[in-house]
Amino acid sequence: MRFTAMNRGQRGKLAMATAAVAIGLLSVTGCGYINAQQTTEQYSASDGTREDLGPLQIRNFMIVSTGEDKPGRVIGAIYNSSSSDVKLTINGASGSQTQVSVKPNSYTLLNNSTDPAILSSTGAIPGSLSEVSISEDGTNQNAKVKVPVLDATLPEYKEYLPEGSEPTVSETATPAPTSSEGH
C-alpha cells in the first residue's frame, strides 16, 4: 500500500471544504443557539395580561378608562376549571372593587355580553400599568397583577368605556384643515 503526501493545493481545498461545512452547520444551528425559542415561553399575544389563580385562568385582562382618577371597566376572559362556582374579586386603586362570578367548568367573557365590571378609580393614566389585587373568594388564593390601562385611542375599545365617560380631547379632535396656498 502506498501513501502519497498531499500537496499544498490539495491541503488548501480540504481546508476550504472543512470551513464551508463548519459555516453551513453554524448557519443552520446558530439561531437556536443564540436566541431563545419563543414557542417555549408563554406570553400574552394581546393588549392585556394573563394570570393563573387557583382554578381560574385570567386572559387578556385590561382596564379601559379615560383617566387616572376616572372609573375603569375591566375586560378580558376568566376560565374556571373547578367543579364549583367561583367569584373573582378585583381590588383597584383608592379602595375600588368589583366582582365577577364564573360558573363551574366554564368561562366568562368580560365584554358587552356581561354586566360591566367597573372599578370606581383606575389608578393609572391610559397607556400605563395599574396594579390591582385579584383574589378567588373562598380560598387564600390572591395575586397582585399589573394591568394595562387603555382608552378610546384604539376604536375597538371605545365601546368599553364606562358609561358617562367622555373620550379625551385628542380622541375627539378633528384634524385642522390644511391650507392650499403656495401649491
N, C-alpha and C. Protein backbone atom coordinates (compact mmCIF):
# COMPACT_ATOMS: atom_id res chain seq x y z
N MET A 1 0.83 -1.16 0.00
CA MET A 1 0.00 0.00 0.00
C MET A 1 0.89 1.23 0.00
N ARG A 2 0.55 2.13 -0.82
CA ARG A 2 1.39 3.29 -0.95
C ARG A 2 0.60 4.54 -0.59
N PHE A 3 1.14 5.32 0.32
CA PHE A 3 0.52 6.58 0.73
C PHE A 3 1.27 7.71 0.05
N THR A 4 0.48 8.61 -0.49
CA THR A 4 1.13 9.75 -1.12
C THR A 4 0.86 10.98 -0.27
N ALA A 5 1.78 11.80 -0.16
CA ALA A 5 1.63 13.03 0.62
C ALA A 5 0.76 14.01 -0.16
N MET A 6 -0.04 14.80 0.58
CA MET A 6 -0.88 15.81 -0.06
C MET A 6 -0.02 16.98 -0.46
N ASN A 7 -0.28 17.47 -1.61
CA ASN A 7 0.44 18.67 -1.99
C ASN A 7 -0.28 19.89 -1.43
N ARG A 8 0.34 21.02 -1.56
CA ARG A 8 -0.19 22.26 -0.99
C ARG A 8 -1.58 22.58 -1.54
N GLY A 9 -1.86 22.35 -2.78
CA GLY A 9 -3.16 22.61 -3.40
C GLY A 9 -4.25 21.74 -2.81
N GLN A 10 -3.95 20.46 -2.59
CA GLN A 10 -4.95 19.55 -2.03
C GLN A 10 -5.27 19.93 -0.58
N ARG A 11 -4.26 20.32 0.19
CA ARG A 11 -4.49 20.73 1.58
C ARG A 11 -5.36 21.99 1.62
N GLY A 12 -5.14 22.91 0.72
CA GLY A 12 -5.95 24.13 0.65
C GLY A 12 -7.41 23.83 0.33
N LYS A 13 -7.63 22.92 -0.62
CA LYS A 13 -9.00 22.54 -0.97
C LYS A 13 -9.69 21.86 0.20
N LEU A 14 -8.98 21.01 0.92
CA LEU A 14 -9.55 20.31 2.07
C LEU A 14 -9.89 21.32 3.17
N ALA A 15 -9.03 22.29 3.41
CA ALA A 15 -9.28 23.31 4.43
C ALA A 15 -10.49 24.16 4.06
N MET A 16 -10.63 24.53 2.80
CA MET A 16 -11.78 25.33 2.36
C MET A 16 -13.07 24.52 2.47
N ALA A 17 -13.04 23.25 2.13
CA ALA A 17 -14.23 22.40 2.24
C ALA A 17 -14.65 22.26 3.70
N THR A 18 -13.68 22.07 4.59
CA THR A 18 -13.97 21.95 6.02
C THR A 18 -14.57 23.26 6.55
N ALA A 19 -14.04 24.40 6.17
CA ALA A 19 -14.55 25.70 6.60
C ALA A 19 -15.98 25.91 6.09
N ALA A 20 -16.24 25.51 4.85
CA ALA A 20 -17.59 25.66 4.28
C ALA A 20 -18.60 24.82 5.04
N VAL A 21 -18.23 23.60 5.38
CA VAL A 21 -19.13 22.72 6.15
C VAL A 21 -19.37 23.33 7.53
N ALA A 22 -18.32 23.84 8.19
CA ALA A 22 -18.47 24.44 9.52
C ALA A 22 -19.38 25.65 9.48
N ILE A 23 -19.21 26.52 8.50
CA ILE A 23 -20.07 27.71 8.37
C ILE A 23 -21.51 27.28 8.08
N GLY A 24 -21.69 26.28 7.25
CA GLY A 24 -23.04 25.77 6.96
C GLY A 24 -23.72 25.25 8.21
N LEU A 25 -23.00 24.51 9.05
CA LEU A 25 -23.57 24.00 10.29
C LEU A 25 -23.91 25.13 11.25
N LEU A 26 -23.05 26.13 11.35
CA LEU A 26 -23.32 27.27 12.22
C LEU A 26 -24.55 28.04 11.76
N SER A 27 -24.70 28.21 10.47
CA SER A 27 -25.85 28.96 9.97
C SER A 27 -27.15 28.22 10.22
N VAL A 28 -27.11 26.91 10.24
CA VAL A 28 -28.33 26.13 10.48
C VAL A 28 -28.68 26.10 11.96
N THR A 29 -27.69 26.01 12.82
CA THR A 29 -27.96 25.87 14.26
C THR A 29 -27.76 27.15 15.04
N GLY A 30 -27.19 28.18 14.43
CA GLY A 30 -26.85 29.40 15.15
C GLY A 30 -28.03 30.13 15.75
N CYS A 31 -29.13 30.21 15.05
CA CYS A 31 -30.28 30.96 15.56
C CYS A 31 -30.82 30.32 16.83
N GLY A 32 -30.95 29.02 16.83
CA GLY A 32 -31.45 28.33 18.01
C GLY A 32 -30.48 28.38 19.16
N TYR A 33 -29.22 28.49 18.87
CA TYR A 33 -28.21 28.55 19.92
C TYR A 33 -28.18 29.92 20.57
N ILE A 34 -28.30 30.96 19.77
CA ILE A 34 -28.18 32.33 20.27
C ILE A 34 -29.51 32.84 20.83
N ASN A 35 -30.60 32.60 20.14
CA ASN A 35 -31.90 33.13 20.52
C ASN A 35 -32.76 32.05 21.16
N ALA A 36 -33.47 32.45 22.21
CA ALA A 36 -34.40 31.52 22.86
C ALA A 36 -35.57 31.24 21.92
N GLN A 37 -36.09 30.03 21.97
CA GLN A 37 -37.26 29.69 21.15
C GLN A 37 -38.48 30.33 21.76
N GLN A 38 -39.18 31.14 20.99
CA GLN A 38 -40.34 31.85 21.51
C GLN A 38 -41.47 30.89 21.85
N THR A 39 -41.52 29.74 21.23
CA THR A 39 -42.61 28.80 21.49
C THR A 39 -42.47 28.12 22.85
N THR A 40 -41.32 28.25 23.51
CA THR A 40 -41.15 27.65 24.83
C THR A 40 -41.55 28.60 25.94
N GLU A 41 -41.83 29.85 25.63
CA GLU A 41 -42.22 30.85 26.62
C GLU A 41 -43.68 31.22 26.43
N GLN A 42 -44.46 31.17 27.54
CA GLN A 42 -45.85 31.59 27.45
C GLN A 42 -45.92 33.10 27.62
N TYR A 43 -46.70 33.74 26.80
CA TYR A 43 -46.87 35.18 26.88
C TYR A 43 -48.25 35.53 26.35
N SER A 44 -48.66 36.75 26.64
CA SER A 44 -49.96 37.21 26.15
C SER A 44 -49.76 37.91 24.81
N ALA A 45 -50.27 37.31 23.78
CA ALA A 45 -50.18 37.91 22.45
C ALA A 45 -51.41 38.78 22.25
N SER A 46 -51.55 39.77 23.11
CA SER A 46 -52.72 40.64 23.07
C SER A 46 -52.38 41.93 23.79
N ASP A 47 -53.37 42.81 23.95
CA ASP A 47 -53.16 44.06 24.66
C ASP A 47 -53.18 43.86 26.17
N GLY A 48 -53.82 42.80 26.65
CA GLY A 48 -53.96 42.57 28.08
C GLY A 48 -52.92 41.62 28.64
N THR A 49 -53.05 41.34 29.93
CA THR A 49 -52.14 40.43 30.61
C THR A 49 -52.84 39.12 30.94
N ARG A 50 -52.05 38.17 31.43
CA ARG A 50 -52.60 36.87 31.82
C ARG A 50 -52.16 36.55 33.23
N GLU A 51 -52.97 35.77 33.93
CA GLU A 51 -52.64 35.34 35.28
C GLU A 51 -53.42 34.07 35.58
N ASP A 52 -52.81 33.17 36.32
CA ASP A 52 -53.49 31.97 36.80
C ASP A 52 -53.64 32.09 38.30
N LEU A 53 -54.84 31.83 38.79
CA LEU A 53 -55.14 31.97 40.21
C LEU A 53 -56.00 30.79 40.63
N GLY A 54 -55.39 29.77 41.22
CA GLY A 54 -56.13 28.57 41.59
C GLY A 54 -56.76 27.97 40.35
N PRO A 55 -58.07 27.71 40.39
CA PRO A 55 -58.73 27.13 39.22
C PRO A 55 -59.05 28.16 38.12
N LEU A 56 -58.72 29.42 38.36
CA LEU A 56 -59.05 30.48 37.40
C LEU A 56 -57.86 30.80 36.50
N GLN A 57 -58.15 30.88 35.22
CA GLN A 57 -57.17 31.35 34.25
C GLN A 57 -57.72 32.66 33.68
N ILE A 58 -56.98 33.74 33.92
CA ILE A 58 -57.42 35.07 33.50
C ILE A 58 -56.61 35.44 32.27
N ARG A 59 -57.29 35.80 31.19
CA ARG A 59 -56.62 36.07 29.93
C ARG A 59 -57.06 37.42 29.37
N ASN A 60 -56.12 38.09 28.69
CA ASN A 60 -56.35 39.38 28.03
C ASN A 60 -57.02 40.38 28.98
N PHE A 61 -56.49 40.46 30.18
CA PHE A 61 -57.02 41.25 31.29
C PHE A 61 -56.54 42.68 31.15
N MET A 62 -57.45 43.65 31.09
CA MET A 62 -57.09 45.06 30.97
C MET A 62 -58.20 45.94 31.52
N ILE A 63 -57.88 47.22 31.66
CA ILE A 63 -58.85 48.21 32.13
C ILE A 63 -58.99 49.27 31.04
N VAL A 64 -60.24 49.64 30.75
CA VAL A 64 -60.50 50.68 29.75
C VAL A 64 -61.06 51.89 30.51
N SER A 65 -60.38 53.03 30.37
CA SER A 65 -60.74 54.22 31.13
C SER A 65 -60.28 55.48 30.40
N THR A 66 -60.82 56.63 30.80
CA THR A 66 -60.39 57.90 30.20
C THR A 66 -59.36 58.62 31.06
N GLY A 67 -59.10 58.15 32.28
CA GLY A 67 -58.12 58.86 33.11
C GLY A 67 -57.79 58.13 34.40
N GLU A 68 -56.78 58.64 35.09
CA GLU A 68 -56.26 58.01 36.30
C GLU A 68 -57.28 57.95 37.43
N ASP A 69 -57.98 59.03 37.67
CA ASP A 69 -58.96 59.07 38.76
C ASP A 69 -60.38 58.85 38.26
N LYS A 70 -60.52 58.32 37.07
CA LYS A 70 -61.82 58.07 36.46
C LYS A 70 -62.19 56.59 36.62
N PRO A 71 -63.47 56.27 36.47
CA PRO A 71 -63.86 54.87 36.51
C PRO A 71 -63.24 54.10 35.33
N GLY A 72 -62.99 52.81 35.56
CA GLY A 72 -62.43 51.96 34.52
C GLY A 72 -63.16 50.65 34.44
N ARG A 73 -63.37 50.18 33.24
CA ARG A 73 -64.06 48.90 33.03
C ARG A 73 -63.02 47.81 32.79
N VAL A 74 -63.14 46.73 33.53
CA VAL A 74 -62.25 45.58 33.38
C VAL A 74 -62.82 44.70 32.27
N ILE A 75 -61.96 44.36 31.30
CA ILE A 75 -62.38 43.43 30.25
C ILE A 75 -61.35 42.32 30.14
N GLY A 76 -61.76 41.21 29.54
CA GLY A 76 -60.91 40.04 29.37
C GLY A 76 -61.75 38.78 29.43
N ALA A 77 -61.10 37.66 29.72
CA ALA A 77 -61.78 36.37 29.84
C ALA A 77 -61.31 35.67 31.10
N ILE A 78 -62.24 35.01 31.79
CA ILE A 78 -61.91 34.27 33.01
C ILE A 78 -62.44 32.85 32.85
N TYR A 79 -61.54 31.88 32.92
CA TYR A 79 -61.89 30.47 32.79
C TYR A 79 -61.86 29.83 34.17
N ASN A 80 -62.86 29.01 34.47
CA ASN A 80 -62.96 28.31 35.76
C ASN A 80 -62.87 26.81 35.49
N SER A 81 -61.78 26.18 35.92
CA SER A 81 -61.61 24.74 35.69
C SER A 81 -62.08 23.90 36.87
N SER A 82 -62.69 24.52 37.88
CA SER A 82 -63.17 23.75 39.04
C SER A 82 -64.60 23.27 38.83
N SER A 83 -65.08 22.46 39.75
CA SER A 83 -66.44 21.92 39.64
C SER A 83 -67.44 22.72 40.47
N SER A 84 -67.06 23.93 40.90
CA SER A 84 -67.99 24.77 41.66
C SER A 84 -67.89 26.22 41.19
N ASP A 85 -68.95 26.98 41.51
CA ASP A 85 -68.95 28.41 41.17
C ASP A 85 -67.78 29.10 41.87
N VAL A 86 -67.18 30.04 41.18
CA VAL A 86 -66.06 30.80 41.75
C VAL A 86 -66.34 32.28 41.52
N LYS A 87 -66.02 33.07 42.54
CA LYS A 87 -66.18 34.52 42.42
C LYS A 87 -64.78 35.14 42.48
N LEU A 88 -64.45 35.92 41.46
CA LEU A 88 -63.18 36.63 41.39
C LEU A 88 -63.42 38.06 41.88
N THR A 89 -62.60 38.50 42.83
CA THR A 89 -62.68 39.87 43.33
C THR A 89 -61.47 40.63 42.82
N ILE A 90 -61.72 41.81 42.26
CA ILE A 90 -60.66 42.67 41.73
C ILE A 90 -60.66 43.94 42.55
N ASN A 91 -59.53 44.20 43.23
CA ASN A 91 -59.37 45.41 44.04
C ASN A 91 -58.41 46.34 43.34
N GLY A 92 -58.89 47.55 43.05
CA GLY A 92 -58.08 48.53 42.33
C GLY A 92 -57.64 49.66 43.23
N ALA A 93 -57.34 50.78 42.63
CA ALA A 93 -56.84 51.96 43.35
C ALA A 93 -57.93 52.58 44.20
N SER A 94 -57.51 53.25 45.27
CA SER A 94 -58.41 54.02 46.16
C SER A 94 -59.57 53.20 46.68
N GLY A 95 -59.36 51.92 46.94
CA GLY A 95 -60.39 51.06 47.51
C GLY A 95 -61.46 50.62 46.54
N SER A 96 -61.27 50.88 45.24
CA SER A 96 -62.28 50.44 44.27
C SER A 96 -62.27 48.92 44.17
N GLN A 97 -63.45 48.36 43.92
CA GLN A 97 -63.57 46.91 43.88
C GLN A 97 -64.71 46.49 42.97
N THR A 98 -64.53 45.34 42.31
CA THR A 98 -65.59 44.74 41.52
C THR A 98 -65.46 43.22 41.63
N GLN A 99 -66.55 42.52 41.39
CA GLN A 99 -66.55 41.06 41.47
C GLN A 99 -67.14 40.46 40.22
N VAL A 100 -66.63 39.27 39.86
CA VAL A 100 -67.10 38.55 38.68
C VAL A 100 -67.33 37.10 39.08
N SER A 101 -68.52 36.58 38.78
CA SER A 101 -68.82 35.17 39.05
C SER A 101 -68.57 34.34 37.80
N VAL A 102 -68.01 33.14 38.00
CA VAL A 102 -67.75 32.23 36.87
C VAL A 102 -68.31 30.86 37.23
N LYS A 103 -69.14 30.33 36.35
CA LYS A 103 -69.77 29.02 36.55
C LYS A 103 -68.72 27.91 36.51
N PRO A 104 -69.02 26.74 37.08
CA PRO A 104 -68.06 25.63 37.07
C PRO A 104 -67.76 25.15 35.65
N ASN A 105 -66.50 24.78 35.42
CA ASN A 105 -66.04 24.25 34.12
C ASN A 105 -66.54 25.10 32.96
N SER A 106 -66.43 26.40 33.12
CA SER A 106 -66.95 27.33 32.12
C SER A 106 -66.06 28.57 32.08
N TYR A 107 -66.52 29.58 31.37
CA TYR A 107 -65.78 30.82 31.29
C TYR A 107 -66.75 31.99 31.24
N THR A 108 -66.22 33.15 31.59
CA THR A 108 -66.98 34.39 31.49
C THR A 108 -66.15 35.37 30.69
N LEU A 109 -66.75 35.92 29.67
CA LEU A 109 -66.10 36.96 28.87
C LEU A 109 -66.57 38.31 29.39
N LEU A 110 -65.63 39.13 29.80
CA LEU A 110 -65.97 40.47 30.28
C LEU A 110 -66.02 41.39 29.07
N ASN A 111 -67.18 41.40 28.43
CA ASN A 111 -67.39 42.22 27.24
C ASN A 111 -68.82 42.73 27.28
N ASN A 112 -69.40 43.02 26.14
CA ASN A 112 -70.76 43.56 26.12
C ASN A 112 -71.84 42.52 26.39
N SER A 113 -71.48 41.24 26.48
CA SER A 113 -72.49 40.20 26.75
C SER A 113 -72.67 39.97 28.25
N THR A 114 -71.89 40.66 29.10
CA THR A 114 -72.00 40.50 30.55
C THR A 114 -72.19 41.87 31.19
N ASP A 115 -72.59 41.85 32.46
CA ASP A 115 -72.68 43.10 33.20
C ASP A 115 -71.27 43.69 33.32
N PRO A 116 -71.12 45.00 33.17
CA PRO A 116 -69.79 45.60 33.25
C PRO A 116 -69.14 45.41 34.62
N ALA A 117 -67.86 45.09 34.64
CA ALA A 117 -67.06 45.02 35.87
C ALA A 117 -66.32 46.34 35.95
N ILE A 118 -66.83 47.25 36.81
CA ILE A 118 -66.33 48.62 36.87
C ILE A 118 -65.56 48.86 38.17
N LEU A 119 -64.37 49.44 38.03
CA LEU A 119 -63.61 49.94 39.18
C LEU A 119 -63.86 51.44 39.24
N SER A 120 -64.16 51.97 40.43
CA SER A 120 -64.50 53.40 40.54
C SER A 120 -63.31 54.31 40.28
N SER A 121 -62.09 53.79 40.41
CA SER A 121 -60.89 54.57 40.13
C SER A 121 -59.86 53.66 39.46
N THR A 122 -59.35 54.10 38.33
CA THR A 122 -58.41 53.29 37.57
C THR A 122 -57.04 53.21 38.24
N GLY A 123 -56.54 54.33 38.76
CA GLY A 123 -55.26 54.32 39.44
C GLY A 123 -54.06 54.51 38.55
N ALA A 124 -54.26 54.68 37.26
CA ALA A 124 -53.16 54.92 36.33
C ALA A 124 -53.71 55.59 35.08
N ILE A 125 -52.87 56.37 34.43
CA ILE A 125 -53.30 57.04 33.21
C ILE A 125 -53.33 56.03 32.06
N PRO A 126 -54.18 56.25 31.08
CA PRO A 126 -54.19 55.37 29.91
C PRO A 126 -52.80 55.32 29.26
N GLY A 127 -52.40 54.13 28.90
CA GLY A 127 -51.09 53.92 28.32
C GLY A 127 -50.08 53.41 29.32
N SER A 128 -50.48 53.30 30.59
CA SER A 128 -49.58 52.79 31.62
C SER A 128 -50.18 51.54 32.26
N LEU A 129 -49.52 51.07 33.32
CA LEU A 129 -49.99 49.88 34.03
C LEU A 129 -50.55 50.27 35.39
N SER A 130 -51.63 49.63 35.77
CA SER A 130 -52.24 49.83 37.08
C SER A 130 -52.11 48.52 37.86
N GLU A 131 -51.64 48.59 39.09
CA GLU A 131 -51.54 47.37 39.88
C GLU A 131 -52.87 47.11 40.58
N VAL A 132 -53.41 45.93 40.36
CA VAL A 132 -54.65 45.51 41.00
C VAL A 132 -54.38 44.21 41.76
N SER A 133 -55.18 44.00 42.80
CA SER A 133 -55.12 42.74 43.53
C SER A 133 -56.31 41.91 43.10
N ILE A 134 -56.06 40.66 42.79
CA ILE A 134 -57.16 39.76 42.43
C ILE A 134 -57.16 38.62 43.42
N SER A 135 -58.35 38.17 43.77
CA SER A 135 -58.46 37.06 44.71
C SER A 135 -59.67 36.20 44.35
N GLU A 136 -59.52 34.94 44.66
CA GLU A 136 -60.60 33.98 44.46
C GLU A 136 -61.32 33.85 45.80
N ASP A 137 -62.60 34.21 45.85
CA ASP A 137 -63.35 34.13 47.10
C ASP A 137 -63.44 32.70 47.59
N GLY A 138 -63.34 32.53 48.90
CA GLY A 138 -63.46 31.21 49.50
C GLY A 138 -62.12 30.51 49.67
N THR A 139 -61.05 31.07 49.14
CA THR A 139 -59.72 30.48 49.33
C THR A 139 -58.75 31.60 49.66
N ASN A 140 -57.53 31.22 49.94
CA ASN A 140 -56.49 32.21 50.20
C ASN A 140 -55.70 32.53 48.95
N GLN A 141 -56.23 32.22 47.78
CA GLN A 141 -55.55 32.48 46.53
C GLN A 141 -55.71 33.96 46.18
N ASN A 142 -54.58 34.68 46.08
CA ASN A 142 -54.64 36.06 45.63
C ASN A 142 -53.32 36.42 44.95
N ALA A 143 -53.35 37.48 44.16
CA ALA A 143 -52.16 37.90 43.43
C ALA A 143 -52.27 39.39 43.12
N LYS A 144 -51.11 40.03 42.99
CA LYS A 144 -51.05 41.40 42.52
C LYS A 144 -50.63 41.34 41.05
N VAL A 145 -51.38 42.04 40.22
CA VAL A 145 -51.16 41.98 38.78
C VAL A 145 -51.07 43.40 38.23
N LYS A 146 -50.11 43.63 37.35
CA LYS A 146 -50.03 44.92 36.65
C LYS A 146 -50.84 44.79 35.37
N VAL A 147 -51.86 45.61 35.27
CA VAL A 147 -52.82 45.53 34.18
C VAL A 147 -52.72 46.79 33.32
N PRO A 148 -52.67 46.64 31.99
CA PRO A 148 -52.63 47.82 31.14
C PRO A 148 -53.94 48.60 31.19
N VAL A 149 -53.80 49.93 31.17
CA VAL A 149 -54.96 50.82 31.12
C VAL A 149 -55.00 51.39 29.70
N LEU A 150 -56.11 51.17 29.02
CA LEU A 150 -56.28 51.65 27.65
C LEU A 150 -57.45 52.63 27.59
N ASP A 151 -57.42 53.51 26.61
CA ASP A 151 -58.53 54.44 26.43
C ASP A 151 -59.15 54.21 25.05
N ALA A 152 -59.87 55.19 24.56
CA ALA A 152 -60.55 55.02 23.27
C ALA A 152 -59.68 55.44 22.10
N THR A 153 -58.36 55.54 22.30
CA THR A 153 -57.47 55.85 21.18
C THR A 153 -57.61 54.78 20.11
N LEU A 154 -57.70 53.53 20.54
CA LEU A 154 -57.99 52.44 19.61
C LEU A 154 -59.51 52.30 19.55
N PRO A 155 -60.10 52.46 18.39
CA PRO A 155 -61.57 52.48 18.29
C PRO A 155 -62.26 51.23 18.85
N GLU A 156 -61.59 50.08 18.81
CA GLU A 156 -62.24 48.86 19.29
C GLU A 156 -62.49 48.87 20.80
N TYR A 157 -61.87 49.79 21.54
CA TYR A 157 -62.08 49.86 22.99
C TYR A 157 -63.07 50.95 23.39
N LYS A 158 -63.48 51.79 22.45
CA LYS A 158 -64.38 52.89 22.77
C LYS A 158 -65.70 52.38 23.37
N GLU A 159 -66.20 51.28 22.86
CA GLU A 159 -67.47 50.75 23.36
C GLU A 159 -67.38 50.25 24.79
N TYR A 160 -66.15 50.05 25.32
CA TYR A 160 -65.98 49.54 26.68
C TYR A 160 -65.72 50.63 27.71
N LEU A 161 -65.69 51.90 27.27
CA LEU A 161 -65.53 52.97 28.24
C LEU A 161 -66.73 52.93 29.20
N PRO A 162 -66.49 53.13 30.50
CA PRO A 162 -67.63 53.12 31.44
C PRO A 162 -68.66 54.17 31.03
N GLU A 163 -69.90 53.86 31.28
CA GLU A 163 -70.99 54.76 30.92
C GLU A 163 -70.78 56.12 31.54
N GLY A 164 -70.97 57.16 30.75
CA GLY A 164 -70.79 58.53 31.23
C GLY A 164 -69.37 59.05 31.03
N SER A 165 -68.45 58.18 30.63
CA SER A 165 -67.07 58.62 30.37
C SER A 165 -67.00 59.25 29.00
N GLU A 166 -66.30 60.33 28.93
CA GLU A 166 -66.11 61.01 27.65
C GLU A 166 -64.68 60.81 27.20
N PRO A 167 -64.48 60.49 25.92
CA PRO A 167 -63.11 60.39 25.41
C PRO A 167 -62.38 61.72 25.58
N THR A 168 -61.06 61.66 25.70
CA THR A 168 -60.27 62.88 25.88
C THR A 168 -60.29 63.71 24.61
N VAL A 169 -59.83 64.94 24.69
CA VAL A 169 -59.85 65.87 23.57
C VAL A 169 -59.12 65.30 22.37
N SER A 170 -57.99 64.63 22.59
CA SER A 170 -57.21 64.12 21.46
C SER A 170 -57.96 63.03 20.69
N GLU A 171 -58.91 62.39 21.35
CA GLU A 171 -59.67 61.34 20.68
C GLU A 171 -60.80 61.89 19.84
N THR A 172 -61.32 63.08 20.22
CA THR A 172 -62.47 63.62 19.51
C THR A 172 -62.09 64.75 18.57
N ALA A 173 -60.86 65.21 18.67
CA ALA A 173 -60.43 66.33 17.82
C ALA A 173 -60.35 65.90 16.37
N THR A 174 -60.79 66.81 15.50
CA THR A 174 -60.66 66.54 14.08
C THR A 174 -59.45 67.30 13.56
N PRO A 175 -58.79 66.78 12.56
CA PRO A 175 -57.62 67.48 12.04
C PRO A 175 -58.00 68.85 11.49
N ALA A 176 -57.12 69.81 11.70
CA ALA A 176 -57.35 71.16 11.19
C ALA A 176 -57.22 71.15 9.68
N PRO A 177 -58.06 71.93 8.98
CA PRO A 177 -57.95 71.94 7.52
C PRO A 177 -56.58 72.49 7.12
N THR A 178 -56.03 71.91 6.08
CA THR A 178 -54.72 72.35 5.60
C THR A 178 -54.92 73.45 4.59
N SER A 179 -53.99 74.36 4.55
CA SER A 179 -54.04 75.47 3.61
C SER A 179 -53.54 75.01 2.25
N SER A 180 -54.18 75.43 1.20
CA SER A 180 -53.75 75.06 -0.15
C SER A 180 -52.95 76.19 -0.80
N GLU A 181 -52.63 77.23 -0.02
CA GLU A 181 -51.83 78.33 -0.56
C GLU A 181 -50.41 77.87 -0.87
N GLY A 182 -49.85 78.35 -1.91
CA GLY A 182 -48.48 78.05 -2.27
C GLY A 182 -48.34 76.77 -3.06
N HIS A 183 -49.43 76.17 -3.48
CA HIS A 183 -49.34 74.91 -4.26
C HIS A 183 -49.66 75.16 -5.69
